[in-house]
Amino acid sequence: MYSMFTTPSASLEPTGLDLAGVAISLGAGIVLWLIASFLIARITRRVANGTTLFKKPHFRWVAPALRALDHERRVQRAHTIGSLLKSGIGVVIAVITSIYMLKNLDVDVAPLLTSVGILGIAIGFGAQQLIRDFLAGIFITIEDQYGIGDTIETSEVVGIVESIGLRITRVRDENGAIWYLRNGEILRVGNRSQGNYVPPAEPEETAVEAEHAPQQKAGE
């Protein structure tokens, strides 16, 4: 009889629900996000203003990405990289904060993580080209392969860069046509604006033939 009265009391024990833990997790996530945003904004502003911080010997590894450029181009690259870092860190903080909040709400996150992992793998296989374009766009921006206003030469087109995105580069050729090049498919690119490009001289024989061609046609 004693055991019959003790069993219900066991069911009245508090569950793993921890509202204080939920609040702490949410607060910690917000604080981390604010700190990360402040640091990224500060670094972005310094890079855009041409700080000399990264010219010190122990920062030489970032020299290719931060070589001397005109102000507008440097600002554009700094803001692009800053927004990319902010988005990536924001996603990581949001995921970690959500996991801890669910654990404090006594939710078994193991099946959820497994489902998310399977879904991520499926999306990764289905969006391989999209991921490739984004990664290529990131490296094009960081390595400063070309920028807006540069004249570039690819396997498809020669023209002036009008805009650079993480997925698409827009180029206007000499005929005025607009080309939309996917970053992941630009396997080789030459930047005529960065080096000492000299346009090839037209052969004299070709020029002379072009001048006399109308006369020969008229004589015929």
C-alpha atoms as a PDB file:
ATOM      1  CA  MET A   1       0.000   0.000   0.000  1.00  0.00           C
ATOM      2  CA  TYR A   2       2.858   2.352   0.732  1.00  0.00           C
ATOM      3  CA  SER A   3       4.233   1.948  -2.762  1.00  0.00           C
ATOM      4  CA  MET A   4       0.874   2.929  -4.251  1.00  0.00           C
ATOM      5  CA  PHE A   5       1.099   6.328  -2.581  1.00  0.00           C
ATOM      6  CA  THR A   6       4.735   6.925  -3.397  1.00  0.00           C
ATOM      7  CA  THR A   7       4.400   6.363  -7.150  1.00  0.00           C
ATOM      8  CA  PRO A   8       2.190   9.401  -7.835  1.00  0.00           C
ATOM      9  CA  SER A   9       4.547  11.634  -5.863  1.00  0.00           C
ATOM     10  CA  ALA A  10       7.368  10.648  -8.202  1.00  0.00           C
ATOM     11  CA  SER A  11       5.365  11.842 -11.211  1.00  0.00           C
ATOM     12  CA  LEU A  12       5.050  15.262  -9.590  1.00  0.00           C
ATOM     13  CA  GLU A  13       8.784  15.898  -9.763  1.00  0.00           C
ATOM     14  CA  PRO A  14       9.753  18.940 -11.877  1.00  0.00           C
ATOM     15  CA  THR A  15      10.709  18.259 -15.466  1.00  0.00           C
ATOM     16  CA  GLY A  16      13.823  19.532 -17.204  1.00  0.00           C
ATOM     17  CA  LEU A  17      12.093  22.781 -18.185  1.00  0.00           C
ATOM     18  CA  ASP A  18      14.415  25.660 -17.279  1.00  0.00           C
ATOM     19  CA  LEU A  19      13.031  29.083 -18.141  1.00  0.00           C
ATOM     20  CA  ALA A  20      15.995  30.796 -16.539  1.00  0.00           C
ATOM     21  CA  GLY A  21      18.322  28.791 -18.778  1.00  0.00           C
ATOM     22  CA  VAL A  22      16.269  29.814 -21.822  1.00  0.00           C
ATOM     23  CA  ALA A  23      16.576  33.483 -20.868  1.00  0.00           C
ATOM     24  CA  ILE A  24      20.312  33.130 -20.226  1.00  0.00           C
ATOM     25  CA  SER A  25      20.859  31.371 -23.557  1.00  0.00           C
ATOM     26  CA  LEU A  26      18.886  34.001 -25.439  1.00  0.00           C
ATOM     27  CA  GLY A  27      20.683  36.832 -23.649  1.00  0.00           C
ATOM     28  CA  ALA A  28      24.092  35.274 -24.275  1.00  0.00           C
ATOM     29  CA  GLY A  29      23.271  34.872 -27.970  1.00  0.00           C
ATOM     30  CA  ILE A  30      22.198  38.505 -28.278  1.00  0.00           C
ATOM     31  CA  VAL A  31      25.320  39.720 -26.463  1.00  0.00           C
ATOM     32  CA  LEU A  32      27.581  37.603 -28.677  1.00  0.00           C
ATOM     33  CA  TRP A  33      25.816  38.915 -31.779  1.00  0.00           C
ATOM     34  CA  LEU A  34      26.222  42.529 -30.669  1.00  0.00           C
ATOM     35  CA  ILE A  35      29.916  42.019 -29.866  1.00  0.00           C
ATOM     36  CA  ALA A  36      30.558  40.269 -33.191  1.00  0.00           C
ATOM     37  CA  SER A  37      28.684  42.989 -35.108  1.00  0.00           C
ATOM     38  CA  PHE A  38      30.690  45.711 -33.360  1.00  0.00           C
ATOM     39  CA  LEU A  39      34.015  44.018 -34.103  1.00  0.00           C
ATOM     40  CA  ILE A  40      33.122  43.343 -37.744  1.00  0.00           C
ATOM     41  CA  ALA A  41      31.916  46.917 -38.249  1.00  0.00           C
ATOM     42  CA  ARG A  42      35.097  48.279 -36.698  1.00  0.00           C
ATOM     43  CA  ILE A  43      37.369  46.074 -38.815  1.00  0.00           C
ATOM     44  CA  THR A  44      35.370  46.904 -41.950  1.00  0.00           C
ATOM     45  CA  ARG A  45      35.655  50.626 -41.255  1.00  0.00           C
ATOM     46  CA  ARG A  46      39.413  50.389 -40.716  1.00  0.00           C
ATOM     47  CA  VAL A  47      39.937  48.415 -43.903  1.00  0.00           C
ATOM     48  CA  ALA A  48      37.750  50.854 -45.868  1.00  0.00           C
ATOM     49  CA  ASN A  49      39.778  53.783 -44.546  1.00  0.00           C
ATOM     50  CA  GLY A  50      43.050  52.137 -45.527  1.00  0.00           C
ATOM     51  CA  THR A  51      44.386  51.366 -42.063  1.00  0.00           C
ATOM     52  CA  THR A  52      48.039  50.413 -41.678  1.00  0.00           C
ATOM     53  CA  LEU A  53      47.221  47.708 -39.133  1.00  0.00           C
ATOM     54  CA  PHE A  54      47.513  44.927 -41.704  1.00  0.00           C
ATOM     55  CA  LYS A  55      50.841  46.200 -43.034  1.00  0.00           C
ATOM     56  CA  LYS A  56      52.712  44.922 -39.989  1.00  0.00           C
ATOM     57  CA  PRO A  57      54.996  41.901 -40.456  1.00  0.00           C
ATOM     58  CA  HIS A  58      52.685  39.406 -38.725  1.00  0.00           C
ATOM     59  CA  PHE A  59      49.809  40.390 -41.051  1.00  0.00           C
ATOM     60  CA  ARG A  60      51.676  39.915 -44.333  1.00  0.00           C
ATOM     61  CA  TRP A  61      49.501  36.913 -45.207  1.00  0.00           C
ATOM     62  CA  VAL A  62      46.580  39.255 -45.969  1.00  0.00           C
ATOM     63  CA  ALA A  63      48.645  41.565 -48.171  1.00  0.00           C
ATOM     64  CA  PRO A  64      47.242  40.222 -51.503  1.00  0.00           C
ATOM     65  CA  ALA A  65      43.702  41.044 -50.396  1.00  0.00           C
ATOM     66  CA  LEU A  66      44.535  44.486 -49.036  1.00  0.00           C
ATOM     67  CA  ARG A  67      46.971  45.976 -51.541  1.00  0.00           C
ATOM     68  CA  ALA A  68      46.645  49.647 -52.377  1.00  0.00           C
ATOM     69  CA  LEU A  69      43.451  50.380 -54.300  1.00  0.00           C
ATOM     70  CA  ASP A  70      41.351  53.423 -54.985  1.00  0.00           C
ATOM     71  CA  HIS A  71      39.043  54.441 -52.162  1.00  0.00           C
ATOM     72  CA  GLU A  72      35.719  53.446 -53.748  1.00  0.00           C
ATOM     73  CA  ARG A  73      36.940  50.007 -54.682  1.00  0.00           C
ATOM     74  CA  ARG A  74      38.442  49.397 -51.256  1.00  0.00           C
ATOM     75  CA  VAL A  75      35.214  50.509 -49.573  1.00  0.00           C
ATOM     76  CA  GLN A  76      33.146  48.220 -51.781  1.00  0.00           C
ATOM     77  CA  ARG A  77      35.309  45.200 -51.010  1.00  0.00           C
ATOM     78  CA  ALA A  78      35.403  45.993 -47.292  1.00  0.00           C
ATOM     79  CA  HIS A  79      31.607  46.223 -47.055  1.00  0.00           C
ATOM     80  CA  THR A  80      31.136  43.053 -49.107  1.00  0.00           C
ATOM     81  CA  ILE A  81      33.463  41.053 -46.870  1.00  0.00           C
ATOM     82  CA  GLY A  82      31.946  42.643 -43.734  1.00  0.00           C
ATOM     83  CA  SER A  83      28.388  41.739 -44.722  1.00  0.00           C
ATOM     84  CA  LEU A  84      29.493  38.209 -45.557  1.00  0.00           C
ATOM     85  CA  LEU A  85      31.185  37.768 -42.176  1.00  0.00           C
ATOM     86  CA  LYS A  86      28.205  39.239 -40.366  1.00  0.00           C
ATOM     87  CA  SER A  87      25.780  36.877 -42.116  1.00  0.00           C
ATOM     88  CA  GLY A  88      27.921  33.805 -41.454  1.00  0.00           C
ATOM     89  CA  ILE A  89      28.518  34.587 -37.784  1.00  0.00           C
ATOM     90  CA  GLY A  90      24.858  35.482 -37.328  1.00  0.00           C
ATOM     91  CA  VAL A  91      23.751  32.077 -38.634  1.00  0.00           C
ATOM     92  CA  VAL A  92      26.235  30.244 -36.393  1.00  0.00           C
ATOM     93  CA  ILE A  93      25.180  32.181 -33.271  1.00  0.00           C
ATOM     94  CA  ALA A  94      21.478  31.717 -34.067  1.00  0.00           C
ATOM     95  CA  VAL A  95      21.868  27.944 -34.502  1.00  0.00           C
ATOM     96  CA  ILE A  96      23.891  27.495 -31.293  1.00  0.00           C
ATOM     97  CA  THR A  97      21.512  29.707 -29.293  1.00  0.00           C
ATOM     98  CA  SER A  98      18.469  27.817 -30.602  1.00  0.00           C
ATOM     99  CA  ILE A  99      19.993  24.461 -29.632  1.00  0.00           C
ATOM    100  CA  TYR A 100      20.663  25.600 -26.074  1.00  0.00           C
ATOM    101  CA  MET A 101      17.181  27.104 -25.755  1.00  0.00           C
ATOM    102  CA  LEU A 102      15.584  23.859 -26.891  1.00  0.00           C
ATOM    103  CA  LYS A 103      17.680  21.877 -24.438  1.00  0.00           C
ATOM    104  CA  ASN A 104      16.551  24.177 -21.621  1.00  0.00           C
ATOM    105  CA  LEU A 105      12.957  23.627 -22.766  1.00  0.00           C
ATOM    106  CA  ASP A 106      13.510  19.881 -22.247  1.00  0.00           C
ATOM    107  CA  VAL A 107      13.363  19.138 -25.978  1.00  0.00           C
ATOM    108  CA  ASP A 108      15.405  16.255 -27.314  1.00  0.00           C
ATOM    109  CA  VAL A 109      17.556  17.942 -29.954  1.00  0.00           C
ATOM    110  CA  ALA A 110      19.277  14.768 -31.170  1.00  0.00           C
ATOM    111  CA  PRO A 111      16.541  13.812 -33.703  1.00  0.00           C
ATOM    112  CA  LEU A 112      16.290  17.443 -34.770  1.00  0.00           C
ATOM    113  CA  LEU A 113      20.034  17.689 -35.409  1.00  0.00           C
ATOM    114  CA  THR A 114      19.924  14.433 -37.367  1.00  0.00           C
ATOM    115  CA  SER A 115      17.065  15.715 -39.532  1.00  0.00           C
ATOM    116  CA  VAL A 116      18.818  19.029 -40.120  1.00  0.00           C
ATOM    117  CA  GLY A 117      22.008  17.196 -41.058  1.00  0.00           C
ATOM    118  CA  ILE A 118      20.219  15.006 -43.580  1.00  0.00           C
ATOM    119  CA  LEU A 119      18.394  18.028 -44.999  1.00  0.00           C
ATOM    120  CA  GLY A 120      21.676  19.949 -45.252  1.00  0.00           C
ATOM    121  CA  ILE A 121      23.300  17.084 -47.156  1.00  0.00           C
ATOM    122  CA  ALA A 122      20.365  16.908 -49.559  1.00  0.00           C
ATOM    123  CA  ILE A 123      20.426  20.653 -50.146  1.00  0.00           C
ATOM    124  CA  GLY A 124      24.198  20.539 -50.587  1.00  0.00           C
ATOM    125  CA  PHE A 125      23.943  17.900 -53.311  1.00  0.00           C
ATOM    126  CA  GLY A 126      21.136  19.777 -55.040  1.00  0.00           C
ATOM    127  CA  ALA A 127      22.835  23.187 -54.898  1.00  0.00           C
ATOM    128  CA  GLN A 128      26.413  22.270 -55.729  1.00  0.00           C
ATOM    129  CA  GLN A 129      26.631  24.784 -58.576  1.00  0.00           C
ATOM    130  CA  LEU A 130      25.105  27.539 -56.451  1.00  0.00           C
ATOM    131  CA  ILE A 131      27.581  26.876 -53.626  1.00  0.00           C
ATOM    132  CA  ARG A 132      30.410  26.823 -56.155  1.00  0.00           C
ATOM    133  CA  ASP A 133      29.336  30.216 -57.520  1.00  0.00           C
ATOM    134  CA  PHE A 134      29.152  31.711 -54.033  1.00  0.00           C
ATOM    135  CA  LEU A 135      32.571  30.393 -53.008  1.00  0.00           C
ATOM    136  CA  ALA A 136      34.100  31.679 -56.243  1.00  0.00           C
ATOM    137  CA  GLY A 137      32.498  35.089 -55.667  1.00  0.00           C
ATOM    138  CA  ILE A 138      33.930  35.213 -52.151  1.00  0.00           C
ATOM    139  CA  PHE A 139      37.463  34.482 -53.361  1.00  0.00           C
ATOM    140  CA  ILE A 140      37.147  36.919 -56.279  1.00  0.00           C
ATOM    141  CA  THR A 141      36.288  39.637 -53.763  1.00  0.00           C
ATOM    142  CA  ILE A 142      38.906  38.732 -51.166  1.00  0.00           C
ATOM    143  CA  GLU A 143      41.727  38.258 -53.677  1.00  0.00           C
ATOM    144  CA  ASP A 144      40.725  41.364 -55.645  1.00  0.00           C
ATOM    145  CA  GLN A 145      40.915  39.574 -58.985  1.00  0.00           C
ATOM    146  CA  TYR A 146      38.911  42.382 -60.573  1.00  0.00           C
ATOM    147  CA  GLY A 147      36.589  45.199 -59.559  1.00  0.00           C
ATOM    148  CA  ILE A 148      33.945  47.517 -60.960  1.00  0.00           C
ATOM    149  CA  GLY A 149      35.356  49.533 -63.854  1.00  0.00           C
ATOM    150  CA  ASP A 150      38.090  47.019 -64.718  1.00  0.00           C
ATOM    151  CA  THR A 151      38.468  45.699 -68.245  1.00  0.00           C
ATOM    152  CA  ILE A 152      38.660  41.931 -68.052  1.00  0.00           C
ATOM    153  CA  GLU A 153      39.118  39.146 -70.556  1.00  0.00           C
ATOM    154  CA  THR A 154      37.567  35.736 -70.027  1.00  0.00           C
ATOM    155  CA  SER A 155      37.027  32.733 -72.250  1.00  0.00           C
ATOM    156  CA  GLU A 156      33.602  34.118 -73.169  1.00  0.00           C
ATOM    157  CA  VAL A 157      33.885  37.890 -73.361  1.00  0.00           C
ATOM    158  CA  VAL A 158      36.108  40.967 -73.167  1.00  0.00           C
ATOM    159  CA  GLY A 159      34.517  43.971 -71.530  1.00  0.00           C
ATOM    160  CA  ILE A 160      34.134  46.332 -68.585  1.00  0.00           C
ATOM    161  CA  VAL A 161      32.904  45.035 -65.226  1.00  0.00           C
ATOM    162  CA  GLU A 162      29.713  46.811 -64.181  1.00  0.00           C
ATOM    163  CA  SER A 163      28.842  44.872 -61.027  1.00  0.00           C
ATOM    164  CA  ILE A 164      30.153  41.999 -58.925  1.00  0.00           C
ATOM    165  CA  GLY A 165      27.937  39.781 -56.813  1.00  0.00           C
ATOM    166  CA  LEU A 166      28.592  36.624 -54.889  1.00  0.00           C
ATOM    167  CA  ARG A 167      26.949  34.623 -57.690  1.00  0.00           C
ATOM    168  CA  ILE A 168      27.031  36.743 -60.860  1.00  0.00           C
ATOM    169  CA  THR A 169      29.509  39.150 -62.486  1.00  0.00           C
ATOM    170  CA  ARG A 170      27.991  41.570 -64.995  1.00  0.00           C
ATOM    171  CA  VAL A 171      30.201  42.665 -67.900  1.00  0.00           C
ATOM    172  CA  ARG A 172      29.540  45.058 -70.818  1.00  0.00           C
ATOM    173  CA  ASP A 173      31.427  44.223 -73.991  1.00  0.00           C
ATOM    174  CA  GLU A 174      32.603  46.623 -76.700  1.00  0.00           C
ATOM    175  CA  ASN A 175      29.378  46.154 -78.644  1.00  0.00           C
ATOM    176  CA  GLY A 176      27.271  47.221 -75.652  1.00  0.00           C
ATOM    177  CA  ALA A 177      25.891  43.771 -74.865  1.00  0.00           C
ATOM    178  CA  ILE A 178      25.531  42.867 -71.185  1.00  0.00           C
ATOM    179  CA  TRP A 179      27.002  39.513 -70.169  1.00  0.00           C
ATOM    180  CA  TYR A 180      26.065  37.762 -66.925  1.00  0.00           C
ATOM    181  CA  LEU A 181      28.905  35.446 -65.956  1.00  0.00           C
ATOM    182  CA  ARG A 182      28.469  32.895 -63.183  1.00  0.00           C
ATOM    183  CA  ASN A 183      31.446  33.197 -60.871  1.00  0.00           C
ATOM    184  CA  GLY A 184      31.881  29.454 -60.546  1.00  0.00           C
ATOM    185  CA  GLU A 185      32.298  29.090 -64.324  1.00  0.00           C
ATOM    186  CA  ILE A 186      34.990  31.758 -64.733  1.00  0.00           C
ATOM    187  CA  LEU A 187      37.938  29.415 -64.949  1.00  0.00           C
ATOM    188  CA  ARG A 188      40.393  31.936 -66.386  1.00  0.00           C
ATOM    189  CA  VAL A 189      40.299  35.722 -66.292  1.00  0.00           C
ATOM    190  CA  GLY A 190      42.761  38.400 -67.366  1.00  0.00           C
ATOM    191  CA  ASN A 191      42.556  41.886 -65.847  1.00  0.00           C
ATOM    192  CA  ARG A 192      43.751  44.480 -68.351  1.00  0.00           C
ATOM    193  CA  SER A 193      43.358  47.290 -65.815  1.00  0.00           C
ATOM    194  CA  GLN A 194      45.722  45.918 -63.155  1.00  0.00           C
ATOM    195  CA  GLY A 195      48.818  45.152 -65.199  1.00  0.00           C
ATOM    196  CA  ASN A 196      50.634  46.997 -67.979  1.00  0.00           C
ATOM    197  CA  TYR A 197      48.401  45.796 -70.747  1.00  0.00           C
ATOM    198  CA  VAL A 198      49.362  46.962 -74.247  1.00  0.00           C
ATOM    199  CA  PRO A 199      46.840  46.283 -77.016  1.00  0.00           C
ATOM    200  CA  PRO A 200      48.329  44.262 -79.864  1.00  0.00           C
ATOM    201  CA  ALA A 201      49.407  46.345 -82.836  1.00  0.00           C
ATOM    202  CA  GLU A 202      47.528  45.766 -86.059  1.00  0.00           C
ATOM    203  CA  PRO A 203      49.765  44.195 -88.713  1.00  0.00           C
ATOM    204  CA  GLU A 204      50.778  46.687 -91.424  1.00  0.00           C
ATOM    205  CA  GLU A 205      49.860  44.314 -94.250  1.00  0.00           C
ATOM    206  CA  THR A 206      46.358  43.904 -92.850  1.00  0.00           C
ATOM    207  CA  ALA A 207      45.906  47.667 -92.526  1.00  0.00           C
ATOM    208  CA  VAL A 208      47.125  48.278 -96.097  1.00  0.00           C
ATOM    209  CA  GLU A 209      44.858  45.562 -97.485  1.00  0.00           C
ATOM    210  CA  ALA A 210      41.900  47.049 -95.612  1.00  0.00           C
ATOM    211  CA  GLU A 211      42.612  50.482 -97.162  1.00  0.00           C
ATOM    212  CA  HIS A 212      42.933  49.206-100.736  1.00  0.00           C
ATOM    213  CA  ALA A 213      40.057  46.754-100.582  1.00  0.00           C
ATOM    214  CA  PRO A 214      37.340  49.315-101.607  1.00  0.00           C
ATOM    215  CA  GLN A 215      39.507  50.557-104.488  1.00  0.00           C
ATOM    216  CA  GLN A 216      40.078  47.058-105.802  1.00  0.00           C
ATOM    217  CA  LYS A 217      36.380  46.308-105.639  1.00  0.00           C
ATOM    218  CA  ALA A 218      35.619  49.526-107.524  1.00  0.00           C
ATOM    219  CA  GLY A 219      38.186  48.658-110.255  1.00  0.00           C
ATOM    220  CA  GLU A 220      36.672  45.257-110.701  1.00  0.00           C
END
